[in-house]
Amino acid sequence: MIPGPDRVIACPHCGELAIQPSLMSGNTFGAVLWSDGRQDAPMLPQFPAVTRCMKCSGYYWVRDAPEVGEMNVFVRGGADVPDAWNNAHEVAALDVEGYHDALQKGLGKTTDQERYLRVHLWWLYNDPGRMGGKVIITSNYRDNCTQLLRLLSIEDPNDIIMTAEIHRELGDFETAKWWLAKLPKKYQGIVDKLKQFASAKDSLVRQL
């Protein structure tokens, strides 16, 4: 993994500066893929696409924030770097409450934006299961899954896999298997694993 330059951006609401790291290169060595589509790759970290300003608490898409400048990651904190840049916080990922709040405040203006927010919210809800704990299916969890299903395509095999996985995690195992049966044979490996979980009435997110 080779870090790229740090982007210095300004909050579109109040101008508060933040640092967005970047990568010049990375790899998937040691990566773990989960049944809900999340990939944990130590050598290929994913930086937040949406954040909340540390000063004004306004939400914004990182790509929409004005860029003030760039600096080499190895000179951050140096005397030649403006104090305002050195004192800026790194762009922070949202927590469960943050994603709910961002959705309520209308940050998911497009289908792609809403999908990003709802997928990442789903992943956060599933995090206890990744650590051997129990995933609590709250009304908010169920509502987010219902809204996410609305955004998925019945023509896209990857979306069909996600559709089946959502139904499995909600405990609707027969519906999950019905969707898995629609996938072409090239997806047989993932189909067999998810069908195995569904047949065992296992609703937890699982490592693939």
Foldseek 3Di string as FASTA:
>chain_A
DAKDWWWWFADPVPGQIATETGRPDFDQVPWWAWLLGDIDRPGDDDTDQKAADPPPRDIDGPVPTHTPDIDHPVCQVHPVDDPSRNPHYHGDDDALVRLVVCVVVPVQVDLVSLLVSLSVNLVNLQVLLVVVHDRDCDPVNVVSLVVNLVSADLVDLVSLSNVLLSCLLVQVLVVSLVSLVPDDCVCVVSSVVSNVCSVVSHNHIGID
